[in-house]
Amino acid sequence: MLYSDELIEEVRSRNDIVDVISSYVSLKKKGSSHFGLCPFHNEKSPSFSVSRDKQMYYCFGCGAGGNVFTFLMEYENMTFPEAMQSLAQRAGMELPVQESTPAARKEADERARLREMNKLAAQYFYVLLHRKRGEKGIQYLQKRGITEETIRHFGLGFADIYRDDLYQFLRQRGYTDEELKSSGLVMINEKYGGSDKFWNRVMFPIMDVNNRVIGFGGRVMGDGSPKYLNSQETKLFDKSRNLYGLNFAKSTRRKELILCEGYLDVISMHQAGFTNAVASLGTAFTPGHGILLKRYTDRVILSFDSDDAGIRAAERAIPILKEAGLSIRVLDLKPYKDPDEFIKGEGIDAMEQRIREAKSSFMFQMEQIAGQYQMNDPEEKTKCFHEMAKELAKIEEPLERNNYIEAVSNQYMVSKKELESLVNHYGVLGYARKDERAAPVSRSGRNEAKEESKKQPQKLLLTWLVNEPVLFEKLQGVITPEDFLEPMYHSVAIMLFDQFETDGKVIPARIINQFVDAEEQKQVAGLFNARLKMAPLPEDNDKVITDIVRKVKLASLEYKMSHSNDILEWQQLIKEKTDIMKLHISL
């Protein structure tokens, strides 16, 4: 059987959306809503809003929106039944056994087949590594100091030099070309058939937090290009929401997680006993990674390569981690390049010492600024302190800012009083404020806006009804759901008016469940979360809402007139048009 509307609503109502999303996104209360960085697109200023009153979320930047079910389906890539199960479990509820729809069964079967295919591929690569054909891979790993126990722990493998090795193996197991292509393991060419994506590489299975293989990374043997190759994104694999080694690191007893650059860094760290090491998956560090880390720790230590590329990567990751609400320290590995080289050169105890001595991310940034200037030149030194002061001015919390002013003063031998004066100077100039300038609108964007403006009165009236439910009584006998001509707005209006008539209130989050299409859910969420520009004086708000109601009603009346040949009906509609112009609504 399918879940009843009543059961769906009970599960939704038992899972407060702010509490659920807070476990994924760092939220700060602002007015009646909570705001944070959107997990669905890259942004610097928080535009992701979560409303406890409406039990909905909405991003004013990318338009993502919905209720608690929508969030889990979008963020965790869950089906609706999976989101139901997860939220029911969270609320301590036991759901009845559900008979899935054909579409849900098809989706679940495809994901199960893909998981099984990845598992078989991992087993195949592992076995091949330990055969004569995998000698090259074994020799490489042994040369890197990786033990057989670690190889088994991480499930490392080898892809042979033959370009259709895995393809033939999986075809023999019953997988179709279409399934193989969607897995990202194989490339299908109509003329030449199937060929493996990975060949002549040491293979690193990538697992989700539940230890299920979702993708692969491969390191080429020799001087081939690219040096590292990763699986394409699939229904199971999203690079921006997974971290290599997190399936092991999530259970660490250490208080912090160590963020490394690559697979072998993580493997070497774990082998040395640092089981809290993870790495991004061959892609730039993203807000999704920061949010994922925040679920397991409050503290992150960056252990990137000590070369210029590693330093730049650390500088890019620091603001993302800060926005996720994490405390960040940076590991100094010099004179070695990476954790693997350091451990081999200095040993485990020395690495423990370096971890204890890891510097704060802010002092690391100060160090990078100082490195750009000749500090024995008075003019260069002055420029350096100006740049440091600009960064200090961006620290919002007064006590933290003062502590860092003191730390910079002590480390770089500059008067605290003079540095403080310089910081205040840049604070007044606005360096502490974030850049919120809007991006220019394209011509196509203007055309879309023009088309949208035709629907705007209906959209605004629905938003007013949700935010000011008193309007339902004020508009009785004036506006009905039939006056909303846009099909989606019409459907929403029917549900809103019915809710108010039945319950005496509106529950926007319940309405989201009635829309199956993800794009429609976003549009409905946009309706319920649009920002109303309230006028300073009540009478001005009365004029605004009166004007909106008139526009909606007049458009509805004109539509009826254009579709009617009845003289008597025309006369009635003309009278209603006259009456509506006399209408005045007071909030």
Protein backbone atom coordinates (compact mmCIF):
# COMPACT_ATOMS: atom_id res chain seq x y z
CA MET A 1 0.00 0.00 0.00
CA LEU A 2 1.01 3.62 -0.44
CA TYR A 3 1.55 5.85 2.57
CA SER A 4 -1.62 7.74 3.44
CA ASP A 5 -1.68 11.54 3.47
CA GLU A 6 -2.36 11.41 7.21
CA LEU A 7 0.75 9.26 7.87
CA ILE A 8 2.93 11.45 5.64
CA GLU A 9 1.73 14.52 7.51
CA GLU A 10 2.35 12.89 10.89
CA VAL A 11 5.95 12.03 9.94
CA ARG A 12 6.50 15.56 8.61
CA SER A 13 5.01 17.23 11.69
CA ARG A 14 7.22 15.15 14.04
CA ASN A 15 10.41 16.34 12.31
CA ASP A 16 11.02 20.04 12.84
CA ILE A 17 12.66 21.28 9.66
CA VAL A 18 15.08 23.63 11.46
CA ASP A 19 16.35 20.76 13.63
CA VAL A 20 16.74 18.43 10.63
CA ILE A 21 18.49 20.92 8.33
CA SER A 22 20.72 22.16 11.17
CA SER A 23 22.41 18.76 11.14
CA TYR A 24 23.50 19.48 7.56
CA VAL A 25 23.78 23.28 7.35
CA SER A 26 25.07 25.82 9.86
CA LEU A 27 22.05 28.09 10.50
CA LYS A 28 21.80 31.43 12.31
CA LYS A 29 18.51 32.92 13.49
CA LYS A 30 17.62 36.17 11.77
CA GLY A 31 14.18 37.55 12.54
CA SER A 32 11.57 34.80 12.29
CA SER A 33 13.73 32.61 10.00
CA HIS A 34 17.08 30.84 10.11
CA PHE A 35 19.70 31.55 7.44
CA GLY A 36 22.79 29.74 6.19
CA LEU A 37 24.82 29.02 3.06
CA CYS A 38 22.81 27.13 0.47
CA PRO A 39 23.92 23.47 0.19
CA PHE A 40 22.61 23.32 -3.39
CA HIS A 41 24.81 26.00 -4.97
CA ASN A 42 28.08 27.77 -4.22
CA GLU A 43 27.60 31.15 -2.51
CA LYS A 44 29.48 33.49 -0.19
CA SER A 45 26.54 35.32 1.45
CA PRO A 46 23.82 33.25 3.17
CA SER A 47 20.59 33.25 1.14
CA PHE A 48 19.25 29.88 2.31
CA SER A 49 16.22 30.46 4.55
CA VAL A 50 14.55 27.90 6.83
CA SER A 51 11.23 28.83 8.43
CA ARG A 52 10.05 27.07 11.59
CA ASP A 53 6.61 28.66 11.24
CA LYS A 54 6.09 27.46 7.67
CA GLN A 55 8.20 24.28 8.09
CA MET A 56 9.83 25.02 4.76
CA TYR A 57 13.18 26.04 3.29
CA TYR A 58 13.90 28.32 0.36
CA CYS A 59 17.05 29.69 -1.27
CA PHE A 60 16.69 33.23 -2.56
CA GLY A 61 19.80 32.65 -4.67
CA CYS A 62 19.07 29.48 -6.68
CA GLY A 63 15.37 28.93 -5.96
CA ALA A 64 15.77 25.54 -4.25
CA GLY A 65 12.93 25.01 -1.83
CA GLY A 66 10.50 22.60 -0.23
CA ASN A 67 9.69 20.85 3.02
CA VAL A 68 11.67 18.38 5.12
CA PHE A 69 11.00 15.52 2.68
CA THR A 70 12.19 17.58 -0.29
CA PHE A 71 15.40 18.49 1.53
CA LEU A 72 16.40 14.89 2.22
CA MET A 73 15.48 13.82 -1.32
CA GLU A 74 17.58 16.62 -2.84
CA TYR A 75 20.52 16.62 -0.44
CA GLU A 76 20.86 12.90 0.30
CA ASN A 77 19.68 11.82 -3.18
CA MET A 78 16.90 9.78 -1.54
CA THR A 79 13.66 8.56 -3.02
CA PHE A 80 10.47 9.65 -1.23
CA PRO A 81 10.03 6.26 0.52
CA GLU A 82 13.66 6.45 1.69
CA ALA A 83 13.08 9.96 3.06
CA MET A 84 9.90 8.72 4.80
CA GLN A 85 11.80 5.84 6.39
CA SER A 86 14.67 8.09 7.50
CA LEU A 87 12.39 10.71 9.10
CA ALA A 88 10.13 8.11 10.68
CA GLN A 89 13.16 6.45 12.25
CA ARG A 90 14.36 9.85 13.48
CA ALA A 91 10.97 10.43 15.11
CA GLY A 92 10.86 6.95 16.63
CA MET A 93 7.96 5.85 14.44
CA GLU A 94 7.46 2.45 12.84
CA LEU A 95 6.03 2.61 9.34
CA PRO A 96 3.76 -0.03 7.82
CA VAL A 97 5.31 -2.14 5.07
CA GLN A 98 4.79 -0.20 1.87
CA GLU A 99 4.03 -1.63 -1.53
CA SER A 100 6.01 0.58 -3.89
CA THR A 101 4.69 2.14 -7.08
CA PRO A 102 6.09 0.77 -10.37
CA ALA A 103 8.19 3.93 -10.81
CA ALA A 104 9.59 3.69 -7.27
CA ARG A 105 10.39 0.01 -7.73
CA LYS A 106 12.16 0.75 -11.01
CA GLU A 107 14.24 3.50 -9.37
CA ALA A 108 15.11 1.28 -6.40
CA ASP A 109 16.04 -1.62 -8.70
CA GLU A 110 18.33 0.60 -10.79
CA ARG A 111 20.13 1.87 -7.70
CA ALA A 112 20.46 -1.67 -6.31
CA ARG A 113 21.88 -2.92 -9.63
CA LEU A 114 24.35 -0.03 -9.69
CA ARG A 115 25.49 -0.76 -6.12
CA GLU A 116 25.95 -4.44 -6.95
CA MET A 117 27.89 -3.54 -10.11
CA ASN A 118 30.25 -1.28 -8.16
CA LYS A 119 30.74 -4.00 -5.54
CA LEU A 120 31.58 -6.59 -8.21
CA ALA A 121 33.99 -4.19 -9.92
CA ALA A 122 35.76 -3.53 -6.58
CA GLN A 123 36.08 -7.27 -5.98
CA TYR A 124 37.37 -7.80 -9.52
CA PHE A 125 40.05 -5.07 -9.17
CA TYR A 126 41.10 -6.46 -5.75
CA VAL A 127 41.50 -10.03 -7.06
CA LEU A 128 43.37 -8.80 -10.15
CA LEU A 129 45.85 -6.89 -7.95
CA HIS A 130 46.83 -10.16 -6.30
CA ARG A 131 47.24 -12.08 -9.56
CA LYS A 132 50.31 -12.11 -11.81
CA ARG A 133 48.68 -9.45 -14.00
CA GLY A 134 48.58 -7.11 -10.99
CA GLU A 135 52.29 -7.29 -10.14
CA LYS A 136 52.89 -3.77 -11.36
CA GLY A 137 50.20 -2.45 -8.99
CA ILE A 138 51.48 -4.44 -6.00
CA GLN A 139 55.03 -3.23 -6.62
CA TYR A 140 53.85 0.38 -6.74
CA LEU A 141 51.93 0.09 -3.45
CA GLN A 142 54.79 -1.72 -1.72
CA LYS A 143 57.19 0.98 -2.91
CA ARG A 144 54.86 3.53 -1.26
CA GLY A 145 55.05 1.53 1.97
CA ILE A 146 51.44 0.30 1.89
CA THR A 147 51.05 -3.00 3.76
CA GLU A 148 48.89 -5.96 2.73
CA GLU A 149 46.64 -5.30 5.76
CA THR A 150 46.04 -1.73 4.57
CA ILE A 151 45.42 -2.91 1.00
CA ARG A 152 42.73 -5.24 2.32
CA HIS A 153 41.28 -2.58 4.67
CA PHE A 154 40.78 -0.06 1.87
CA GLY A 155 39.99 -2.69 -0.79
CA LEU A 156 42.70 -1.44 -3.16
CA GLY A 157 42.86 -3.06 -6.59
CA PHE A 158 44.28 -2.94 -10.10
CA ALA A 159 42.86 -2.32 -13.57
CA ASP A 160 44.83 -4.23 -16.21
CA ILE A 161 46.24 -2.94 -19.49
CA TYR A 162 43.43 -4.56 -21.50
CA ARG A 163 40.85 -1.94 -22.41
CA ASP A 164 37.75 -4.14 -22.15
CA ASP A 165 38.69 -6.36 -19.21
CA LEU A 166 36.04 -5.16 -16.76
CA TYR A 167 33.48 -4.68 -19.54
CA GLN A 168 33.66 -8.35 -20.53
CA PHE A 169 33.56 -9.46 -16.89
CA LEU A 170 30.40 -7.46 -16.10
CA ARG A 171 28.70 -8.45 -19.37
CA GLN A 172 29.19 -12.08 -18.37
CA ARG A 173 27.45 -11.25 -15.08
CA GLY A 174 24.32 -10.16 -16.98
CA TYR A 175 24.65 -6.37 -17.09
CA THR A 176 23.47 -4.59 -20.24
CA ASP A 177 25.42 -1.96 -22.16
CA GLU A 178 22.93 0.68 -20.97
CA GLU A 179 23.49 -0.27 -17.33
CA LEU A 180 27.26 -0.35 -17.78
CA LYS A 181 27.27 3.07 -19.42
CA SER A 182 25.23 4.61 -16.57
CA SER A 183 27.66 3.16 -14.02
CA GLY A 184 30.56 5.30 -15.28
CA LEU A 185 32.78 2.21 -15.31
CA VAL A 186 32.51 1.65 -19.03
CA MET A 187 32.31 3.73 -22.21
CA ILE A 188 30.06 2.45 -24.99
CA ASN A 189 30.84 3.20 -28.64
CA GLU A 190 28.29 2.17 -31.27
CA LYS A 191 31.03 1.16 -33.70
CA TYR A 192 33.65 -0.40 -31.42
CA GLY A 193 31.54 -1.60 -28.49
CA GLY A 194 32.44 -1.29 -24.84
CA SER A 195 35.74 -0.22 -23.30
CA ASP A 196 36.81 0.28 -19.69
CA LYS A 197 37.12 3.76 -18.24
CA PHE A 198 39.99 2.58 -16.01
CA TRP A 199 42.98 0.61 -17.31
CA ASN A 200 46.61 0.29 -16.22
CA ARG A 201 45.82 1.93 -12.89
CA VAL A 202 45.95 1.17 -9.17
CA MET A 203 42.32 1.41 -8.08
CA PHE A 204 40.87 3.10 -4.98
CA PRO A 205 37.24 2.14 -4.26
CA ILE A 206 35.28 5.13 -2.94
CA MET A 207 32.73 4.24 -0.26
CA ASP A 208 29.84 6.16 1.27
CA VAL A 209 29.49 6.46 5.04
CA ASN A 210 27.66 3.12 5.07
CA ASN A 211 30.69 1.33 3.53
CA ARG A 212 29.01 0.82 0.15
CA VAL A 213 31.14 1.29 -2.99
CA ILE A 214 29.81 4.29 -4.94
CA GLY A 215 32.71 5.08 -7.29
CA PHE A 216 36.42 4.71 -7.99
CA GLY A 217 39.65 6.63 -8.29
CA GLY A 218 42.55 5.32 -10.32
CA ARG A 219 46.28 6.20 -10.28
CA VAL A 220 48.01 5.57 -13.61
CA MET A 221 51.10 3.35 -13.72
CA GLY A 222 53.94 5.23 -15.38
CA ASP A 223 53.78 8.70 -16.90
CA GLY A 224 50.30 8.53 -18.44
CA SER A 225 47.76 11.34 -18.22
CA PRO A 226 45.74 12.13 -16.25
CA LYS A 227 47.73 10.98 -13.24
CA TYR A 228 44.54 10.42 -11.23
CA LEU A 229 41.20 9.58 -12.84
CA ASN A 230 37.88 9.52 -10.98
CA SER A 231 34.45 8.06 -11.68
CA GLN A 232 31.90 10.31 -13.29
CA GLU A 233 28.94 11.30 -11.12
CA THR A 234 26.08 8.80 -11.07
CA LYS A 235 22.85 8.20 -9.17
CA LEU A 236 25.02 7.02 -6.27
CA PHE A 237 28.11 9.20 -6.58
CA ASP A 238 28.24 12.96 -5.98
CA LYS A 239 31.83 14.22 -5.59
CA SER A 240 30.76 17.35 -3.74
CA ARG A 241 28.95 15.40 -1.01
CA ASN A 242 31.37 12.57 -0.30
CA LEU A 243 34.85 12.37 1.22
CA TYR A 244 37.38 9.58 0.80
CA GLY A 245 37.97 7.69 4.04
CA LEU A 246 34.98 9.18 5.87
CA ASN A 247 33.42 5.72 6.20
CA PHE A 248 36.33 4.88 8.55
CA ALA A 249 37.06 8.34 9.99
CA LYS A 250 33.47 8.86 11.22
CA SER A 251 34.17 6.30 13.96
CA THR A 252 37.48 7.80 15.12
CA ARG A 253 38.01 8.56 18.79
CA ARG A 254 39.90 11.74 17.95
CA LYS A 255 38.05 15.03 18.36
CA GLU A 256 39.00 16.46 14.98
CA LEU A 257 39.11 15.30 11.36
CA ILE A 258 42.25 15.83 9.24
CA LEU A 259 41.52 16.97 5.69
CA CYS A 260 44.16 15.80 3.19
CA GLU A 261 44.52 16.25 -0.56
CA GLY A 262 44.66 12.71 -1.95
CA TYR A 263 43.87 9.03 -1.55
CA LEU A 264 47.40 7.95 -0.64
CA ASP A 265 47.71 10.71 1.97
CA VAL A 266 44.60 9.33 3.69
CA ILE A 267 45.79 5.72 3.40
CA SER A 268 49.25 6.55 4.82
CA MET A 269 47.70 8.49 7.71
CA HIS A 270 45.32 5.65 8.59
CA GLN A 271 48.13 3.11 8.37
CA ALA A 272 50.13 5.23 10.83
CA GLY A 273 47.18 5.30 13.25
CA PHE A 274 45.67 8.65 12.27
CA THR A 275 42.27 7.17 11.48
CA ASN A 276 40.63 10.59 11.37
CA ALA A 277 42.03 11.51 7.92
CA VAL A 278 39.76 12.18 4.90
CA ALA A 279 40.18 13.75 1.45
CA SER A 280 38.04 15.33 -1.26
CA LEU A 281 37.53 13.25 -4.38
CA GLY A 282 39.67 14.79 -7.08
CA THR A 283 37.61 17.97 -7.12
CA ALA A 284 37.80 21.43 -5.57
CA PHE A 285 36.66 21.65 -1.95
CA THR A 286 33.00 22.72 -1.87
CA PRO A 287 30.42 23.96 0.67
CA GLY A 288 28.90 20.47 0.43
CA HIS A 289 32.13 19.03 1.81
CA GLY A 290 32.13 21.59 4.63
CA ILE A 291 28.56 20.71 5.56
CA LEU A 292 29.40 17.00 5.49
CA LEU A 293 32.38 17.49 7.82
CA LYS A 294 30.24 19.52 10.23
CA ARG A 295 27.99 16.48 10.71
CA TYR A 296 30.88 14.58 12.31
CA THR A 297 33.09 17.18 13.99
CA ASP A 298 33.49 20.82 15.04
CA ARG A 299 37.23 20.90 14.33
CA VAL A 300 39.18 20.33 11.12
CA ILE A 301 42.95 20.27 10.60
CA LEU A 302 44.10 21.03 7.05
CA SER A 303 46.95 18.82 5.87
CA PHE A 304 47.44 19.94 2.28
CA ASP A 305 50.70 19.76 0.35
CA SER A 306 53.25 22.38 1.41
CA ASP A 307 53.86 23.54 -2.19
CA ASP A 308 52.22 26.61 -3.79
CA ALA A 309 49.28 24.58 -5.12
CA GLY A 310 48.62 23.11 -1.67
CA ILE A 311 48.77 26.54 -0.02
CA ARG A 312 46.28 27.95 -2.56
CA ALA A 313 43.98 24.96 -1.96
CA ALA A 314 44.12 25.61 1.81
CA GLU A 315 43.34 29.30 1.29
CA ARG A 316 40.28 28.38 -0.78
CA ALA A 317 39.07 25.78 1.74
CA ILE A 318 39.37 27.95 4.87
CA PRO A 319 36.44 30.36 4.18
CA ILE A 320 34.23 27.42 3.14
CA LEU A 321 34.98 25.58 6.38
CA LYS A 322 34.40 28.73 8.42
CA GLU A 323 30.99 29.27 6.83
CA ALA A 324 30.10 25.69 7.77
CA GLY A 325 30.77 26.64 11.40
CA LEU A 326 34.01 24.69 11.82
CA SER A 327 37.12 25.60 13.78
CA ILE A 328 40.16 25.26 11.49
CA ARG A 329 43.85 24.73 12.09
CA VAL A 330 46.59 24.21 9.51
CA LEU A 331 49.30 21.55 9.71
CA ASP A 332 52.87 22.60 8.91
CA LEU A 333 54.60 19.73 7.09
CA LYS A 334 57.76 21.53 5.99
CA PRO A 335 60.32 20.57 4.85
CA TYR A 336 58.24 17.65 3.53
CA LYS A 337 55.63 17.95 0.78
CA ASP A 338 52.79 15.80 2.13
CA PRO A 339 51.75 13.61 5.14
CA ASP A 340 53.09 10.45 3.50
CA GLU A 341 56.59 11.91 3.06
CA PHE A 342 56.53 13.43 6.57
CA ILE A 343 55.62 10.16 8.30
CA LYS A 344 58.29 8.26 6.35
CA GLY A 345 60.89 10.93 7.13
CA GLU A 346 60.08 11.86 10.75
CA GLY A 347 57.83 9.14 12.12
CA ILE A 348 54.49 8.93 13.92
CA ASP A 349 55.50 10.75 17.11
CA ALA A 350 56.73 13.74 15.09
CA MET A 351 53.40 13.84 13.23
CA GLU A 352 51.54 13.81 16.58
CA GLN A 353 53.67 16.77 17.66
CA ARG A 354 52.98 18.69 14.45
CA ILE A 355 49.23 18.08 14.87
CA ARG A 356 49.37 19.50 18.41
CA GLU A 357 51.27 22.54 17.08
CA ALA A 358 48.94 23.16 14.10
CA LYS A 359 48.39 26.91 13.77
CA SER A 360 45.00 28.63 13.58
CA SER A 361 43.71 29.26 10.07
CA PHE A 362 43.85 33.02 10.65
CA MET A 363 47.51 32.99 11.66
CA PHE A 364 48.18 30.79 8.62
CA GLN A 365 46.59 33.50 6.46
CA MET A 366 48.72 36.14 8.16
CA GLU A 367 51.79 34.03 7.38
CA GLN A 368 50.82 33.91 3.69
CA ILE A 369 50.39 37.70 3.60
CA ALA A 370 53.77 38.24 5.28
CA GLY A 371 55.37 35.94 2.72
CA GLN A 372 54.41 38.35 -0.06
CA TYR A 373 56.48 41.26 1.34
CA GLN A 374 60.12 41.97 2.12
CA MET A 375 59.75 42.42 5.88
CA ASN A 376 63.22 43.97 6.21
CA ASP A 377 62.12 46.86 3.96
CA PRO A 378 60.17 49.54 5.95
CA GLU A 379 57.88 50.45 3.02
CA GLU A 380 57.09 46.79 2.22
CA LYS A 381 56.55 46.08 5.91
CA THR A 382 54.02 48.93 6.18
CA LYS A 383 52.09 47.59 3.17
CA CYS A 384 52.06 44.16 4.80
CA PHE A 385 50.52 45.48 8.04
CA HIS A 386 47.85 47.32 6.05
CA GLU A 387 46.85 44.05 4.36
CA MET A 388 46.82 42.25 7.71
CA ALA A 389 44.66 45.00 9.20
CA LYS A 390 42.12 44.57 6.41
CA GLU A 391 41.79 40.88 7.27
CA LEU A 392 41.58 41.62 11.01
CA ALA A 393 38.76 44.09 10.33
CA LYS A 394 36.68 41.28 8.86
CA ILE A 395 36.51 39.43 12.20
CA GLU A 396 33.07 40.30 13.55
CA GLU A 397 33.35 39.12 17.17
CA PRO A 398 35.16 41.89 19.18
CA LEU A 399 36.95 39.59 21.66
CA GLU A 400 38.20 37.27 18.89
CA ARG A 401 39.36 40.28 16.85
CA ASN A 402 41.23 41.73 19.82
CA ASN A 403 42.90 38.38 20.54
CA TYR A 404 44.16 38.12 16.98
CA ILE A 405 45.35 41.74 16.98
CA GLU A 406 47.43 40.85 20.03
CA ALA A 407 48.73 37.63 18.42
CA VAL A 408 49.74 39.42 15.19
CA SER A 409 51.33 42.21 17.21
CA ASN A 410 53.46 39.72 19.17
CA GLN A 411 54.47 37.55 16.23
CA TYR A 412 55.33 40.33 13.78
CA MET A 413 56.76 42.88 16.24
CA VAL A 414 54.27 45.71 15.57
CA SER A 415 52.70 48.03 18.14
CA LYS A 416 49.34 46.66 19.23
CA LYS A 417 47.93 50.16 19.61
CA GLU A 418 48.97 51.19 16.09
CA LEU A 419 47.70 47.94 14.58
CA GLU A 420 44.39 48.33 16.41
CA SER A 421 44.05 51.87 15.06
CA LEU A 422 44.68 50.58 11.53
CA VAL A 423 42.09 47.81 11.97
CA ASN A 424 39.49 50.34 13.16
CA HIS A 425 40.30 52.51 10.16
CA TYR A 426 39.55 49.69 7.72
CA GLY A 427 36.49 48.68 9.73
CA VAL A 428 35.05 52.18 9.19
CA LEU A 429 35.81 51.89 5.46
CA GLY A 430 33.57 48.81 5.32
CA TYR A 431 36.04 45.95 5.06
CA ALA A 432 34.00 44.06 7.65
CA ARG A 433 30.92 44.06 5.42
CA LYS A 434 30.36 41.36 2.84
CA ASP A 435 29.90 42.26 -0.81
CA GLU A 436 26.22 41.85 -1.60
CA ARG A 437 26.13 43.48 -5.03
CA ALA A 438 23.72 41.80 -7.39
CA ALA A 439 24.93 40.25 -10.63
CA PRO A 440 23.83 41.95 -13.89
CA VAL A 441 20.66 40.58 -15.48
CA SER A 442 20.96 39.18 -19.01
CA ARG A 443 18.58 40.02 -21.87
CA SER A 444 17.01 36.56 -21.68
CA GLY A 445 16.59 37.10 -17.94
CA ARG A 446 14.74 40.37 -18.59
CA ASN A 447 12.40 38.61 -21.03
CA GLU A 448 11.65 35.93 -18.47
CA ALA A 449 11.00 38.61 -15.86
CA LYS A 450 8.58 40.34 -18.21
CA GLU A 451 6.67 37.09 -18.76
CA GLU A 452 6.68 36.42 -15.02
CA SER A 453 5.20 39.87 -14.32
CA LYS A 454 1.92 38.78 -15.93
CA LYS A 455 1.50 36.16 -13.22
CA GLN A 456 2.89 38.39 -10.48
CA PRO A 457 -0.41 39.60 -8.92
CA GLN A 458 -1.63 35.99 -8.44
CA LYS A 459 1.72 35.00 -7.00
CA LEU A 460 1.82 37.97 -4.64
CA LEU A 461 -1.74 37.39 -3.44
CA LEU A 462 -0.93 33.79 -2.53
CA THR A 463 2.14 34.99 -0.64
CA TRP A 464 0.05 37.57 1.24
CA LEU A 465 -2.54 34.92 2.12
CA VAL A 466 0.16 32.69 3.63
CA ASN A 467 1.81 35.53 5.57
CA GLU A 468 -1.42 37.32 6.57
CA PRO A 469 -4.14 34.64 7.03
CA VAL A 470 -6.56 37.34 8.20
CA LEU A 471 -7.01 38.07 4.48
CA PHE A 472 -9.07 34.89 4.02
CA GLU A 473 -11.87 36.49 6.03
CA LYS A 474 -11.36 39.93 4.46
CA LEU A 475 -11.63 38.47 0.93
CA GLN A 476 -14.65 36.24 1.58
CA GLY A 477 -17.10 36.74 -1.26
CA VAL A 478 -14.50 38.68 -3.27
CA ILE A 479 -11.75 36.21 -4.19
CA THR A 480 -12.08 32.44 -4.68
CA PRO A 481 -9.59 29.82 -5.96
CA GLU A 482 -11.26 30.16 -9.39
CA ASP A 483 -9.78 33.68 -9.71
CA PHE A 484 -6.26 32.25 -9.90
CA LEU A 485 -5.84 31.52 -13.62
CA GLU A 486 -2.28 30.14 -13.60
CA PRO A 487 -2.77 26.32 -13.26
CA MET A 488 -0.26 25.84 -10.46
CA TYR A 489 -1.46 28.89 -8.53
CA HIS A 490 -5.01 27.65 -8.98
CA SER A 491 -4.11 24.28 -7.42
CA VAL A 492 -2.29 25.94 -4.52
CA ALA A 493 -5.19 28.34 -3.94
CA ILE A 494 -7.69 25.47 -3.73
CA MET A 495 -5.56 23.77 -1.05
CA LEU A 496 -4.94 26.99 0.90
CA PHE A 497 -8.61 28.01 0.98
CA ASP A 498 -9.59 24.45 1.94
CA GLN A 499 -7.01 24.37 4.76
CA PHE A 500 -8.21 27.66 6.20
CA GLU A 501 -11.85 26.63 6.00
CA THR A 502 -11.14 23.27 7.66
CA ASP A 503 -8.44 24.15 10.22
CA GLY A 504 -8.71 27.93 10.59
CA LYS A 505 -5.03 28.20 9.58
CA VAL A 506 -2.70 27.37 6.71
CA ILE A 507 0.17 24.84 6.79
CA PRO A 508 2.32 25.48 3.69
CA ALA A 509 4.62 22.48 4.24
CA ARG A 510 1.66 20.09 3.93
CA ILE A 511 0.85 21.44 0.46
CA ILE A 512 4.32 20.62 -0.87
CA ASN A 513 3.56 16.90 -0.46
CA GLN A 514 0.79 17.19 -3.07
CA PHE A 515 3.27 18.02 -5.85
CA VAL A 516 5.39 15.18 -7.23
CA ASP A 517 7.53 17.11 -9.72
CA ALA A 518 10.67 18.62 -8.12
CA GLU A 519 10.46 21.78 -10.21
CA GLU A 520 6.86 22.36 -9.14
CA GLN A 521 7.87 21.89 -5.50
CA LYS A 522 10.50 24.61 -5.92
CA GLN A 523 7.95 26.99 -7.45
CA VAL A 524 5.45 26.37 -4.65
CA ALA A 525 8.17 26.87 -2.05
CA GLY A 526 9.03 30.16 -3.77
CA LEU A 527 5.41 31.27 -3.37
CA PHE A 528 5.40 30.57 0.32
CA ASN A 529 8.79 32.16 0.99
CA ALA A 530 8.71 35.29 -1.16
CA ARG A 531 9.73 38.43 0.72
CA LEU A 532 6.90 40.92 1.16
CA LYS A 533 7.99 44.55 1.17
CA MET A 534 5.95 45.91 4.05
CA ALA A 535 5.34 49.64 3.95
CA PRO A 536 6.15 51.79 7.02
CA LEU A 537 2.51 52.91 7.40
CA PRO A 538 -0.45 50.47 7.72
CA GLU A 539 -2.52 52.48 5.25
CA ASP A 540 0.18 52.02 2.62
CA ASN A 541 0.02 48.24 3.08
CA ASP A 542 -3.75 48.47 2.67
CA LYS A 543 -3.26 50.22 -0.68
CA VAL A 544 -0.78 47.56 -1.82
CA ILE A 545 -2.98 44.57 -1.01
CA THR A 546 -6.09 46.30 -2.41
CA ASP A 547 -4.28 46.94 -5.70
CA ILE A 548 -3.11 43.29 -5.91
CA VAL A 549 -6.62 41.95 -5.24
CA ARG A 550 -8.08 44.28 -7.90
CA LYS A 551 -5.55 43.07 -10.50
CA VAL A 552 -6.24 39.41 -9.78
CA LYS A 553 -10.03 39.86 -9.83
CA LEU A 554 -10.04 42.05 -12.96
CA ALA A 555 -7.89 39.54 -14.86
CA SER A 556 -10.27 36.77 -13.77
CA LEU A 557 -13.35 38.74 -14.86
CA GLU A 558 -11.83 39.63 -18.23
CA TYR A 559 -10.95 35.97 -18.79
CA LYS A 560 -14.57 34.97 -18.10
CA MET A 561 -15.85 37.67 -20.43
CA SER A 562 -13.57 36.50 -23.25
CA HIS A 563 -14.95 32.98 -22.88
CA SER A 564 -18.64 33.83 -22.68
CA ASN A 565 -21.32 34.77 -25.27
CA ASP A 566 -24.10 35.06 -22.68
CA ILE A 567 -25.45 38.66 -22.49
CA LEU A 568 -26.81 38.21 -18.98
CA GLU A 569 -23.48 36.83 -17.75
CA TRP A 570 -21.70 39.76 -19.40
CA GLN A 571 -23.90 42.23 -17.55
CA GLN A 572 -23.12 40.53 -14.23
CA LEU A 573 -19.39 40.51 -14.97
CA ILE A 574 -19.44 44.22 -15.91
CA LYS A 575 -21.19 45.00 -12.61
CA GLU A 576 -18.52 43.01 -10.72
CA LYS A 577 -15.78 44.98 -12.51
CA THR A 578 -17.40 48.22 -11.37
CA ASP A 579 -17.74 46.94 -7.80
CA ILE A 580 -14.16 45.76 -7.60
CA MET A 581 -12.88 49.24 -8.43
CA LYS A 582 -14.65 50.51 -5.29
CA LEU A 583 -13.04 47.81 -3.13
CA HIS A 584 -10.83 48.78 -0.20
CA ILE A 585 -9.17 46.23 2.07
CA SER A 586 -7.82 47.09 5.50
CA LEU A 587 -5.38 44.80 7.26
